[in-house]
Amino acid sequence: MPCSALMSKPTAVTVPVLLLLLDYWPLHRIPQTWDRKSWIPALLDVADPFNALP
């Protein structure tokens, strides 16, 4: 089901990328370093609302 959403709706790709960009740059919720441990909570935070979709 998520694959068909990615193919049919451009917002299915744009919104999660935009949310990560907002977390990284103006909000500084993600540290400026590229540690995997610092990005995992942010990725899970962005992916959580999309897991609830039918």
PDB file of N, CA and C in Angstrom:
ATOM      1  N   MET A   1       0.799  -1.199   0.000  1.00  0.00           N
ATOM      2  CA  MET A   1       0.000   0.000   0.000  1.00  0.00           C
ATOM      3  C   MET A   1       0.845   1.268   0.000  1.00  0.00           C
ATOM      4  N   PRO A   2       1.920   1.380   0.815  1.00  0.00           N
ATOM      5  CA  PRO A   2       2.729   2.598   0.761  1.00  0.00           C
ATOM      6  C   PRO A   2       3.394   2.794  -0.603  1.00  0.00           C
ATOM      7  N   CYS A   3       3.693   1.704  -1.309  1.00  0.00           N
ATOM      8  CA  CYS A   3       4.309   1.847  -2.630  1.00  0.00           C
ATOM      9  C   CYS A   3       3.355   2.504  -3.611  1.00  0.00           C
ATOM     10  N   SER A   4       2.094   2.146  -3.565  1.00  0.00           N
ATOM     11  CA  SER A   4       1.130   2.770  -4.468  1.00  0.00           C
ATOM     12  C   SER A   4       0.917   4.238  -4.102  1.00  0.00           C
ATOM     13  N   ALA A   5       1.015   4.581  -2.819  1.00  0.00           N
ATOM     14  CA  ALA A   5       0.899   5.988  -2.422  1.00  0.00           C
ATOM     15  C   ALA A   5       2.075   6.791  -2.943  1.00  0.00           C
ATOM     16  N   LEU A   6       3.257   6.193  -2.919  1.00  0.00           N
ATOM     17  CA  LEU A   6       4.435   6.899  -3.434  1.00  0.00           C
ATOM     18  C   LEU A   6       4.346   7.120  -4.936  1.00  0.00           C
ATOM     19  N   MET A   7       3.729   6.190  -5.648  1.00  0.00           N
ATOM     20  CA  MET A   7       3.620   6.334  -7.095  1.00  0.00           C
ATOM     21  C   MET A   7       2.487   7.274  -7.499  1.00  0.00           C
ATOM     22  N   SER A   8       1.448   7.385  -6.691  1.00  0.00           N
ATOM     23  CA  SER A   8       0.278   8.138  -7.130  1.00  0.00           C
ATOM     24  C   SER A   8       0.220   9.568  -6.612  1.00  0.00           C
ATOM     25  N   LYS A   9       0.760   9.827  -5.446  1.00  0.00           N
ATOM     26  CA  LYS A   9       0.611  11.157  -4.853  1.00  0.00           C
ATOM     27  C   LYS A   9       1.988  11.764  -4.583  1.00  0.00           C
ATOM     28  N   PRO A  10       2.273  12.892  -5.185  1.00  0.00           N
ATOM     29  CA  PRO A  10       3.571  13.520  -4.925  1.00  0.00           C
ATOM     30  C   PRO A  10       3.722  14.003  -3.488  1.00  0.00           C
ATOM     31  N   THR A  11       2.612  14.263  -2.783  1.00  0.00           N
ATOM     32  CA  THR A  11       2.729  14.720  -1.404  1.00  0.00           C
ATOM     33  C   THR A  11       3.179  13.603  -0.465  1.00  0.00           C
ATOM     34  N   ALA A  12       3.022  12.358  -0.875  1.00  0.00           N
ATOM     35  CA  ALA A  12       3.483  11.250  -0.048  1.00  0.00           C
ATOM     36  C   ALA A  12       4.996  11.258   0.079  1.00  0.00           C
ATOM     37  N   VAL A  13       5.682  11.863  -0.862  1.00  0.00           N
ATOM     38  CA  VAL A  13       7.138  11.995  -0.802  1.00  0.00           C
ATOM     39  C   VAL A  13       7.521  13.361  -0.255  1.00  0.00           C
ATOM     40  N   THR A  14       6.805  14.393  -0.639  1.00  0.00           N
ATOM     41  CA  THR A  14       7.179  15.760  -0.295  1.00  0.00           C
ATOM     42  C   THR A  14       7.003  16.059   1.189  1.00  0.00           C
ATOM     43  N   VAL A  15       5.919  15.630   1.777  1.00  0.00           N
ATOM     44  CA  VAL A  15       5.632  15.971   3.177  1.00  0.00           C
ATOM     45  C   VAL A  15       6.662  15.385   4.140  1.00  0.00           C
ATOM     46  N   PRO A  16       7.030  14.106   4.072  1.00  0.00           N
ATOM     47  CA  PRO A  16       8.050  13.607   5.002  1.00  0.00           C
ATOM     48  C   PRO A  16       9.416  14.292   4.822  1.00  0.00           C
ATOM     49  N   VAL A  17       9.783  14.572   3.585  1.00  0.00           N
ATOM     50  CA  VAL A  17      11.056  15.261   3.348  1.00  0.00           C
ATOM     51  C   VAL A  17      10.999  16.676   3.906  1.00  0.00           C
ATOM     52  N   LEU A  18       9.873  17.342   3.738  1.00  0.00           N
ATOM     53  CA  LEU A  18       9.710  18.690   4.270  1.00  0.00           C
ATOM     54  C   LEU A  18       9.746  18.683   5.798  1.00  0.00           C
ATOM     55  N   LEU A  19       9.128  17.698   6.422  1.00  0.00           N
ATOM     56  CA  LEU A  19       9.152  17.613   7.882  1.00  0.00           C
ATOM     57  C   LEU A  19      10.567  17.377   8.405  1.00  0.00           C
ATOM     58  N   LEU A  20      11.346  16.527   7.730  1.00  0.00           N
ATOM     59  CA  LEU A  20      12.730  16.318   8.141  1.00  0.00           C
ATOM     60  C   LEU A  20      13.560  17.583   7.954  1.00  0.00           C
ATOM     61  N   LEU A  21      13.328  18.293   6.865  1.00  0.00           N
ATOM     62  CA  LEU A  21      14.050  19.532   6.634  1.00  0.00           C
ATOM     63  C   LEU A  21      13.724  20.568   7.710  1.00  0.00           C
ATOM     64  N   LEU A  22      12.459  20.652   8.104  1.00  0.00           N
ATOM     65  CA  LEU A  22      12.084  21.573   9.180  1.00  0.00           C
ATOM     66  C   LEU A  22      12.720  21.179  10.510  1.00  0.00           C
ATOM     67  N   ASP A  23      12.797  19.891  10.781  1.00  0.00           N
ATOM     68  CA  ASP A  23      13.443  19.438  12.016  1.00  0.00           C
ATOM     69  C   ASP A  23      14.932  19.750  12.006  1.00  0.00           C
ATOM     70  N   TYR A  24      15.550  19.673  10.862  1.00  0.00           N
ATOM     71  CA  TYR A  24      16.998  19.857  10.778  1.00  0.00           C
ATOM     72  C   TYR A  24      17.392  21.329  10.821  1.00  0.00           C
ATOM     73  N   TRP A  25      16.764  22.160   9.973  1.00  0.00           N
ATOM     74  CA  TRP A  25      17.265  23.518   9.828  1.00  0.00           C
ATOM     75  C   TRP A  25      16.641  24.537  10.780  1.00  0.00           C
ATOM     76  N   PRO A  26      15.379  24.925  10.661  1.00  0.00           N
ATOM     77  CA  PRO A  26      14.960  26.019  11.548  1.00  0.00           C
ATOM     78  C   PRO A  26      14.700  25.583  12.990  1.00  0.00           C
ATOM     79  N   LEU A  27      14.271  24.350  13.204  1.00  0.00           N
ATOM     80  CA  LEU A  27      13.933  23.924  14.562  1.00  0.00           C
ATOM     81  C   LEU A  27      15.118  23.352  15.332  1.00  0.00           C
ATOM     82  N   HIS A  28      16.132  22.870  14.632  1.00  0.00           N
ATOM     83  CA  HIS A  28      17.348  22.288  15.235  1.00  0.00           C
ATOM     84  C   HIS A  28      17.028  21.149  16.202  1.00  0.00           C
ATOM     85  N   ARG A  29      16.036  20.335  15.845  1.00  0.00           N
ATOM     86  CA  ARG A  29      15.737  19.160  16.667  1.00  0.00           C
ATOM     87  C   ARG A  29      16.697  18.025  16.377  1.00  0.00           C
ATOM     88  N   ILE A  30      17.327  18.056  15.202  1.00  0.00           N
ATOM     89  CA  ILE A  30      18.331  17.067  14.832  1.00  0.00           C
ATOM     90  C   ILE A  30      19.690  17.748  14.922  1.00  0.00           C
ATOM     91  N   PRO A  31      20.658  17.163  15.624  1.00  0.00           N
ATOM     92  CA  PRO A  31      21.975  17.795  15.714  1.00  0.00           C
ATOM     93  C   PRO A  31      22.619  17.962  14.332  1.00  0.00           C
ATOM     94  N   GLN A  32      23.544  18.882  14.225  1.00  0.00           N
ATOM     95  CA  GLN A  32      24.196  19.173  12.959  1.00  0.00           C
ATOM     96  C   GLN A  32      25.151  18.056  12.523  1.00  0.00           C
ATOM     97  N   THR A  33      25.468  17.136  13.404  1.00  0.00           N
ATOM     98  CA  THR A  33      26.339  16.019  13.044  1.00  0.00           C
ATOM     99  C   THR A  33      25.540  14.958  12.291  1.00  0.00           C
ATOM    100  N   TRP A  34      26.218  14.090  11.599  1.00  0.00           N
ATOM    101  CA  TRP A  34      25.553  13.065  10.797  1.00  0.00           C
ATOM    102  C   TRP A  34      25.612  11.705  11.481  1.00  0.00           C
ATOM    103  N   ASP A  35      25.368  11.672  12.793  1.00  0.00           N
ATOM    104  CA  ASP A  35      25.311  10.396  13.498  1.00  0.00           C
ATOM    105  C   ASP A  35      24.028   9.671  13.132  1.00  0.00           C
ATOM    106  N   ARG A  36      24.130   8.393  13.002  1.00  0.00           N
ATOM    107  CA  ARG A  36      22.928   7.603  12.735  1.00  0.00           C
ATOM    108  C   ARG A  36      22.007   7.614  13.948  1.00  0.00           C
ATOM    109  N   LYS A  37      22.596   7.645  15.139  1.00  0.00           N
ATOM    110  CA  LYS A  37      21.779   7.628  16.355  1.00  0.00           C
ATOM    111  C   LYS A  37      20.958   8.894  16.522  1.00  0.00           C
ATOM    112  N   SER A  38      21.412  10.003  15.985  1.00  0.00           N
ATOM    113  CA  SER A  38      20.647  11.243  16.130  1.00  0.00           C
ATOM    114  C   SER A  38      19.549  11.355  15.078  1.00  0.00           C
ATOM    115  N   TRP A  39      19.670  10.650  13.970  1.00  0.00           N
ATOM    116  CA  TRP A  39      18.653  10.740  12.912  1.00  0.00           C
ATOM    117  C   TRP A  39      17.534   9.728  13.084  1.00  0.00           C
ATOM    118  N   ILE A  40      17.768   8.619  13.755  1.00  0.00           N
ATOM    119  CA  ILE A  40      16.750   7.573  13.889  1.00  0.00           C
ATOM    120  C   ILE A  40      15.492   8.071  14.608  1.00  0.00           C
ATOM    121  N   PRO A  41      15.592   8.781  15.739  1.00  0.00           N
ATOM    122  CA  PRO A  41      14.348   9.280  16.361  1.00  0.00           C
ATOM    123  C   PRO A  41      13.586  10.258  15.464  1.00  0.00           C
ATOM    124  N   ALA A  42      14.295  11.058  14.697  1.00  0.00           N
ATOM    125  CA  ALA A  42      13.619  12.004  13.803  1.00  0.00           C
ATOM    126  C   ALA A  42      12.905  11.266  12.677  1.00  0.00           C
ATOM    127  N   LEU A  43      13.531  10.238  12.139  1.00  0.00           N
ATOM    128  CA  LEU A  43      12.888   9.459  11.077  1.00  0.00           C
ATOM    129  C   LEU A  43      11.650   8.741  11.595  1.00  0.00           C
ATOM    130  N   LEU A  44      11.737   8.198  12.790  1.00  0.00           N
ATOM    131  CA  LEU A  44      10.577   7.528  13.374  1.00  0.00           C
ATOM    132  C   LEU A  44       9.465   8.520  13.692  1.00  0.00           C
ATOM    133  N   ASP A  45       9.848   9.717  14.082  1.00  0.00           N
ATOM    134  CA  ASP A  45       8.849  10.748  14.378  1.00  0.00           C
ATOM    135  C   ASP A  45       8.108  11.174  13.113  1.00  0.00           C
ATOM    136  N   VAL A  46       8.796  11.251  12.006  1.00  0.00           N
ATOM    137  CA  VAL A  46       8.163  11.628  10.736  1.00  0.00           C
ATOM    138  C   VAL A  46       7.347  10.475  10.174  1.00  0.00           C
ATOM    139  N   ALA A  47       7.820   9.257  10.327  1.00  0.00           N
ATOM    140  CA  ALA A  47       7.141   8.102   9.740  1.00  0.00           C
ATOM    141  C   ALA A  47       5.919   7.657  10.539  1.00  0.00           C
ATOM    142  N   ASP A  48       5.816   8.067  11.786  1.00  0.00           N
ATOM    143  CA  ASP A  48       4.728   7.593  12.639  1.00  0.00           C
ATOM    144  C   ASP A  48       3.331   7.959  12.114  1.00  0.00           C
ATOM    145  N   PRO A  49       3.052   9.196  11.714  1.00  0.00           N
ATOM    146  CA  PRO A  49       1.706   9.473  11.206  1.00  0.00           C
ATOM    147  C   PRO A  49       1.377   8.734   9.918  1.00  0.00           C
ATOM    148  N   PHE A  50       2.374   8.411   9.110  1.00  0.00           N
ATOM    149  CA  PHE A  50       2.120   7.725   7.862  1.00  0.00           C
ATOM    150  C   PHE A  50       1.902   6.239   8.045  1.00  0.00           C
ATOM    151  N   ASN A  51       2.273   5.693   9.190  1.00  0.00           N
ATOM    152  CA  ASN A  51       1.989   4.292   9.488  1.00  0.00           C
ATOM    153  C   ASN A  51       0.521   4.089   9.856  1.00  0.00           C
ATOM    154  N   ALA A  52      -0.149   5.140  10.297  1.00  0.00           N
ATOM    155  CA  ALA A  52      -1.540   5.027  10.696  1.00  0.00           C
ATOM    156  C   ALA A  52      -2.514   5.078   9.528  1.00  0.00           C
ATOM    157  N   LEU A  53      -2.031   5.433   8.352  1.00  0.00           N
ATOM    158  CA  LEU A  53      -2.910   5.510   7.181  1.00  0.00           C
ATOM    159  C   LEU A  53      -3.353   4.115   6.753  1.00  0.00           C
ATOM    160  N   PRO A  54      -4.588   3.970   6.285  1.00  0.00           N
ATOM    161  CA  PRO A  54      -5.049   2.629   5.862  1.00  0.00           C
ATOM    162  C   PRO A  54      -4.422   2.191   4.568  1.00  0.00           C
TER     163      PRO A  54
END
